[in-house]
Amino acid sequence: MAGRVLAAKQRPRARHIPQRTCVGCRTVQEKRALIRVVRTPQGVQVDPTGKLAGRGAYLHDRRSCWTQALKGSLAHALKTELSDDDRERLNQTLETLPAEDGREDA
């Protein structure tokens, strides 16, 4: 009996869920719950699939996070300067996001 090793109980392994930090509010959340913004040779753009090649950053789907990120943290995370075209493209996405607490952020 002394040489016999008891097998550890087999329990299913927890599935790994990737975590990312929102560059607007600095909150960590599941990658799938955030919107990816990517720097490409064509400029900065929203990546709805999350699979475009290029340096990426993540944001919540909240206007406050996007507004904060556009002040500088997004450009810093992407290691680039946002051009006027990039800002226009990102502001268009910002306008499609739902208002928070039933009010419009201006």
N, C-alpha and C. Protein backbone atom coordinates (compact mmCIF):
# COMPACT_ATOMS: atom_id res chain seq x y z
N MET A 1 0.81 -1.19 0.00
CA MET A 1 0.00 0.00 0.00
C MET A 1 0.85 1.26 0.00
N ALA A 2 2.05 1.21 0.60
CA ALA A 2 2.88 2.40 0.71
C ALA A 2 3.37 2.88 -0.66
N GLY A 3 3.61 1.98 -1.61
CA GLY A 3 4.13 2.36 -2.91
C GLY A 3 3.05 2.81 -3.88
N ARG A 4 1.85 2.76 -3.46
CA ARG A 4 0.73 3.10 -4.34
C ARG A 4 0.44 4.60 -4.28
N VAL A 5 0.38 5.25 -5.43
CA VAL A 5 0.13 6.69 -5.50
C VAL A 5 -1.34 6.91 -5.84
N LEU A 6 -1.96 7.74 -5.05
CA LEU A 6 -3.36 8.06 -5.32
C LEU A 6 -3.45 9.12 -6.41
N ALA A 7 -4.29 8.87 -7.35
CA ALA A 7 -4.47 9.84 -8.44
C ALA A 7 -5.25 11.04 -7.93
N ALA A 8 -4.81 12.19 -8.33
CA ALA A 8 -5.54 13.42 -7.96
C ALA A 8 -6.89 13.41 -8.66
N LYS A 9 -7.85 14.00 -8.02
CA LYS A 9 -9.17 14.07 -8.63
C LYS A 9 -9.09 14.85 -9.94
N GLN A 10 -9.67 14.28 -10.95
CA GLN A 10 -9.68 14.95 -12.25
C GLN A 10 -10.82 15.95 -12.27
N ARG A 11 -10.48 17.20 -12.49
CA ARG A 11 -11.52 18.22 -12.63
C ARG A 11 -11.25 18.99 -13.92
N PRO A 12 -12.28 19.41 -14.57
CA PRO A 12 -12.07 20.11 -15.83
C PRO A 12 -11.30 21.41 -15.61
N ARG A 13 -10.39 21.69 -16.52
CA ARG A 13 -9.61 22.92 -16.43
C ARG A 13 -10.48 24.10 -16.83
N ALA A 14 -10.31 25.20 -16.12
CA ALA A 14 -11.05 26.41 -16.46
C ALA A 14 -10.49 26.96 -17.77
N ARG A 15 -11.36 27.34 -18.66
CA ARG A 15 -10.95 27.88 -19.95
C ARG A 15 -10.35 29.26 -19.75
N HIS A 16 -9.20 29.49 -20.38
CA HIS A 16 -8.52 30.79 -20.28
C HIS A 16 -9.31 31.84 -21.06
N ILE A 17 -9.61 32.94 -20.40
CA ILE A 17 -10.32 34.05 -21.04
C ILE A 17 -9.37 35.23 -21.09
N PRO A 18 -8.96 35.67 -22.30
CA PRO A 18 -8.02 36.79 -22.41
C PRO A 18 -8.60 38.06 -21.80
N GLN A 19 -7.76 38.79 -21.09
CA GLN A 19 -8.15 40.04 -20.45
C GLN A 19 -7.41 41.19 -21.14
N ARG A 20 -8.06 42.33 -21.29
CA ARG A 20 -7.45 43.52 -21.86
C ARG A 20 -7.86 44.73 -21.02
N THR A 21 -7.08 45.79 -21.12
CA THR A 21 -7.34 47.01 -20.38
C THR A 21 -7.88 48.08 -21.31
N CYS A 22 -8.97 48.71 -20.94
CA CYS A 22 -9.53 49.82 -21.70
C CYS A 22 -8.59 51.01 -21.54
N VAL A 23 -8.15 51.60 -22.67
CA VAL A 23 -7.22 52.74 -22.58
C VAL A 23 -7.93 54.02 -22.16
N GLY A 24 -9.24 54.01 -22.12
CA GLY A 24 -9.99 55.18 -21.67
C GLY A 24 -10.12 55.25 -20.16
N CYS A 25 -10.59 54.16 -19.55
CA CYS A 25 -10.85 54.17 -18.10
C CYS A 25 -9.89 53.28 -17.31
N ARG A 26 -9.02 52.55 -18.01
CA ARG A 26 -8.00 51.69 -17.38
C ARG A 26 -8.61 50.52 -16.60
N THR A 27 -9.81 50.08 -16.96
CA THR A 27 -10.46 48.94 -16.32
C THR A 27 -10.14 47.68 -17.12
N VAL A 28 -9.81 46.60 -16.43
CA VAL A 28 -9.51 45.33 -17.08
C VAL A 28 -10.81 44.55 -17.24
N GLN A 29 -11.00 44.00 -18.44
CA GLN A 29 -12.22 43.24 -18.73
C GLN A 29 -11.90 42.19 -19.78
N GLU A 30 -12.85 41.30 -20.02
CA GLU A 30 -12.67 40.28 -21.06
C GLU A 30 -12.45 40.96 -22.41
N LYS A 31 -11.55 40.39 -23.19
CA LYS A 31 -11.21 40.94 -24.50
C LYS A 31 -12.45 41.08 -25.39
N ARG A 32 -13.33 40.11 -25.34
CA ARG A 32 -14.51 40.13 -26.22
C ARG A 32 -15.50 41.23 -25.87
N ALA A 33 -15.42 41.77 -24.66
CA ALA A 33 -16.35 42.81 -24.23
C ALA A 33 -15.88 44.20 -24.64
N LEU A 34 -14.69 44.29 -25.23
CA LEU A 34 -14.12 45.59 -25.60
C LEU A 34 -14.04 45.73 -27.12
N ILE A 35 -13.91 46.96 -27.57
CA ILE A 35 -13.78 47.27 -28.99
C ILE A 35 -12.30 47.48 -29.28
N ARG A 36 -11.78 46.83 -30.30
CA ARG A 36 -10.36 46.97 -30.66
C ARG A 36 -10.19 48.08 -31.69
N VAL A 37 -9.21 48.93 -31.44
CA VAL A 37 -8.81 49.97 -32.39
C VAL A 37 -7.39 49.61 -32.79
N VAL A 38 -7.09 49.65 -34.09
CA VAL A 38 -5.80 49.17 -34.57
C VAL A 38 -5.11 50.22 -35.44
N ARG A 39 -3.78 50.28 -35.32
CA ARG A 39 -2.96 51.14 -36.17
C ARG A 39 -2.52 50.31 -37.36
N THR A 40 -2.88 50.75 -38.56
CA THR A 40 -2.52 50.07 -39.80
C THR A 40 -1.76 51.06 -40.68
N PRO A 41 -1.15 50.58 -41.75
CA PRO A 41 -0.50 51.53 -42.68
C PRO A 41 -1.48 52.54 -43.29
N GLN A 42 -2.77 52.20 -43.33
CA GLN A 42 -3.79 53.12 -43.87
C GLN A 42 -4.28 54.10 -42.82
N GLY A 43 -3.85 53.95 -41.59
CA GLY A 43 -4.29 54.84 -40.51
C GLY A 43 -4.92 54.05 -39.37
N VAL A 44 -5.41 54.77 -38.39
CA VAL A 44 -6.04 54.14 -37.23
C VAL A 44 -7.50 53.87 -37.56
N GLN A 45 -7.96 52.66 -37.24
CA GLN A 45 -9.35 52.31 -37.53
C GLN A 45 -9.88 51.32 -36.52
N VAL A 46 -11.20 51.23 -36.45
CA VAL A 46 -11.87 50.29 -35.57
C VAL A 46 -11.79 48.91 -36.21
N ASP A 47 -11.50 47.90 -35.40
CA ASP A 47 -11.35 46.53 -35.88
C ASP A 47 -12.49 45.68 -35.30
N PRO A 48 -13.62 45.57 -36.01
CA PRO A 48 -14.75 44.83 -35.46
C PRO A 48 -14.48 43.33 -35.29
N THR A 49 -13.58 42.76 -36.09
CA THR A 49 -13.29 41.33 -35.98
C THR A 49 -12.24 41.04 -34.92
N GLY A 50 -11.42 42.03 -34.59
CA GLY A 50 -10.35 41.83 -33.62
C GLY A 50 -9.18 41.07 -34.20
N LYS A 51 -9.11 40.97 -35.53
CA LYS A 51 -8.09 40.14 -36.16
C LYS A 51 -7.21 40.90 -37.15
N LEU A 52 -7.43 42.19 -37.34
CA LEU A 52 -6.60 42.94 -38.27
C LEU A 52 -5.15 42.98 -37.77
N ALA A 53 -4.23 42.96 -38.71
CA ALA A 53 -2.81 43.04 -38.36
C ALA A 53 -2.49 44.48 -37.97
N GLY A 54 -1.67 44.63 -36.98
CA GLY A 54 -1.26 45.96 -36.53
C GLY A 54 -1.35 46.08 -35.03
N ARG A 55 -0.78 47.15 -34.52
CA ARG A 55 -0.79 47.39 -33.08
C ARG A 55 -2.20 47.80 -32.66
N GLY A 56 -2.72 47.17 -31.63
CA GLY A 56 -4.09 47.42 -31.20
C GLY A 56 -4.20 47.97 -29.80
N ALA A 57 -5.33 48.58 -29.54
CA ALA A 57 -5.70 49.08 -28.21
C ALA A 57 -7.19 48.79 -28.05
N TYR A 58 -7.64 48.75 -26.81
CA TYR A 58 -9.02 48.35 -26.53
C TYR A 58 -9.76 49.43 -25.76
N LEU A 59 -11.07 49.56 -26.10
CA LEU A 59 -11.94 50.54 -25.47
C LEU A 59 -13.30 49.91 -25.18
N HIS A 60 -13.94 50.37 -24.10
CA HIS A 60 -15.33 49.99 -23.84
C HIS A 60 -16.23 50.64 -24.89
N ASP A 61 -17.45 50.20 -24.96
CA ASP A 61 -18.41 50.83 -25.88
C ASP A 61 -19.15 51.96 -25.18
N ARG A 62 -18.40 52.77 -24.43
CA ARG A 62 -18.98 53.91 -23.70
C ARG A 62 -18.34 55.19 -24.22
N ARG A 63 -19.15 56.20 -24.37
CA ARG A 63 -18.65 57.49 -24.87
C ARG A 63 -17.59 58.08 -23.97
N SER A 64 -17.73 57.93 -22.67
CA SER A 64 -16.76 58.51 -21.74
C SER A 64 -15.38 57.90 -21.95
N CYS A 65 -15.31 56.60 -22.21
CA CYS A 65 -14.02 55.96 -22.46
C CYS A 65 -13.40 56.46 -23.76
N TRP A 66 -14.21 56.61 -24.80
CA TRP A 66 -13.70 57.08 -26.08
C TRP A 66 -13.25 58.54 -25.99
N THR A 67 -14.03 59.36 -25.30
CA THR A 67 -13.65 60.77 -25.14
C THR A 67 -12.33 60.89 -24.40
N GLN A 68 -12.17 60.13 -23.32
CA GLN A 68 -10.93 60.16 -22.56
C GLN A 68 -9.77 59.65 -23.41
N ALA A 69 -9.98 58.58 -24.14
CA ALA A 69 -8.91 57.99 -24.96
C ALA A 69 -8.46 58.93 -26.07
N LEU A 70 -9.38 59.66 -26.65
CA LEU A 70 -9.04 60.58 -27.75
C LEU A 70 -8.24 61.78 -27.26
N LYS A 71 -8.19 61.99 -25.95
CA LYS A 71 -7.39 63.09 -25.40
C LYS A 71 -5.90 62.78 -25.43
N GLY A 72 -5.53 61.53 -25.67
CA GLY A 72 -4.12 61.22 -25.77
C GLY A 72 -3.72 59.81 -25.43
N SER A 73 -4.50 59.12 -24.58
CA SER A 73 -4.09 57.78 -24.18
C SER A 73 -4.18 56.77 -25.32
N LEU A 74 -5.09 56.97 -26.27
CA LEU A 74 -5.19 56.07 -27.42
C LEU A 74 -3.96 56.20 -28.31
N ALA A 75 -3.57 57.42 -28.61
CA ALA A 75 -2.38 57.64 -29.44
C ALA A 75 -1.15 57.07 -28.76
N HIS A 76 -1.06 57.23 -27.46
CA HIS A 76 0.08 56.69 -26.70
C HIS A 76 0.09 55.17 -26.76
N ALA A 77 -1.06 54.54 -26.60
CA ALA A 77 -1.16 53.08 -26.62
C ALA A 77 -0.82 52.53 -28.00
N LEU A 78 -1.19 53.26 -29.05
CA LEU A 78 -0.91 52.82 -30.41
C LEU A 78 0.47 53.25 -30.90
N LYS A 79 1.17 54.04 -30.08
CA LYS A 79 2.50 54.56 -30.41
C LYS A 79 2.50 55.30 -31.74
N THR A 80 1.57 56.23 -31.88
CA THR A 80 1.45 57.02 -33.09
C THR A 80 0.75 58.34 -32.76
N GLU A 81 0.80 59.26 -33.68
CA GLU A 81 0.01 60.49 -33.58
C GLU A 81 -1.25 60.28 -34.40
N LEU A 82 -2.39 60.70 -33.86
CA LEU A 82 -3.65 60.57 -34.60
C LEU A 82 -3.76 61.71 -35.59
N SER A 83 -3.95 61.37 -36.86
CA SER A 83 -4.13 62.38 -37.90
C SER A 83 -5.57 62.91 -37.82
N ASP A 84 -5.84 63.97 -38.56
CA ASP A 84 -7.20 64.51 -38.60
C ASP A 84 -8.18 63.48 -39.15
N ASP A 85 -7.74 62.71 -40.17
CA ASP A 85 -8.60 61.66 -40.73
C ASP A 85 -8.88 60.57 -39.69
N ASP A 86 -7.85 60.20 -38.92
CA ASP A 86 -8.03 59.20 -37.88
C ASP A 86 -9.04 59.68 -36.85
N ARG A 87 -8.88 60.93 -36.40
CA ARG A 87 -9.79 61.50 -35.41
C ARG A 87 -11.23 61.55 -35.94
N GLU A 88 -11.38 61.92 -37.21
CA GLU A 88 -12.72 61.98 -37.81
C GLU A 88 -13.35 60.59 -37.83
N ARG A 89 -12.58 59.59 -38.24
CA ARG A 89 -13.06 58.21 -38.29
C ARG A 89 -13.47 57.71 -36.90
N LEU A 90 -12.65 58.01 -35.90
CA LEU A 90 -12.94 57.57 -34.54
C LEU A 90 -14.12 58.35 -33.94
N ASN A 91 -14.24 59.63 -34.27
CA ASN A 91 -15.38 60.41 -33.79
C ASN A 91 -16.68 59.91 -34.39
N GLN A 92 -16.64 59.43 -35.64
CA GLN A 92 -17.85 58.85 -36.25
C GLN A 92 -18.28 57.61 -35.47
N THR A 93 -17.33 56.81 -35.05
CA THR A 93 -17.65 55.63 -34.24
C THR A 93 -18.19 56.06 -32.88
N LEU A 94 -17.56 57.08 -32.30
CA LEU A 94 -18.01 57.61 -31.01
C LEU A 94 -19.47 58.03 -31.08
N GLU A 95 -19.87 58.66 -32.16
CA GLU A 95 -21.26 59.13 -32.32
C GLU A 95 -22.25 57.98 -32.41
N THR A 96 -21.81 56.79 -32.81
CA THR A 96 -22.73 55.66 -32.92
C THR A 96 -22.93 54.95 -31.58
N LEU A 97 -22.10 55.26 -30.59
CA LEU A 97 -22.21 54.60 -29.29
C LEU A 97 -23.42 55.14 -28.53
N PRO A 98 -24.05 54.28 -27.73
CA PRO A 98 -25.22 54.74 -26.97
C PRO A 98 -24.82 55.78 -25.92
N ALA A 99 -25.72 56.72 -25.69
CA ALA A 99 -25.50 57.73 -24.64
C ALA A 99 -25.51 57.04 -23.29
N GLU A 100 -24.69 57.53 -22.37
CA GLU A 100 -24.63 56.95 -21.03
C GLU A 100 -25.66 57.61 -20.12
N ASP A 101 -26.30 56.84 -19.29
CA ASP A 101 -27.28 57.34 -18.32
C ASP A 101 -28.39 58.12 -18.98
N GLY A 102 -28.72 57.78 -20.23
CA GLY A 102 -29.82 58.44 -20.92
C GLY A 102 -29.55 59.87 -21.34
N ARG A 103 -28.28 60.29 -21.34
CA ARG A 103 -27.96 61.65 -21.76
C ARG A 103 -26.88 61.62 -22.82
N GLU A 104 -26.81 62.66 -23.58
CA GLU A 104 -25.78 62.80 -24.61
C GLU A 104 -24.57 63.47 -24.01
N ASP A 105 -23.36 62.97 -24.30
CA ASP A 105 -22.14 63.64 -23.87
C ASP A 105 -21.73 64.61 -24.96
N ALA A 106 -21.42 65.83 -24.56
CA ALA A 106 -21.05 66.83 -25.57
C ALA A 106 -19.63 67.27 -25.38
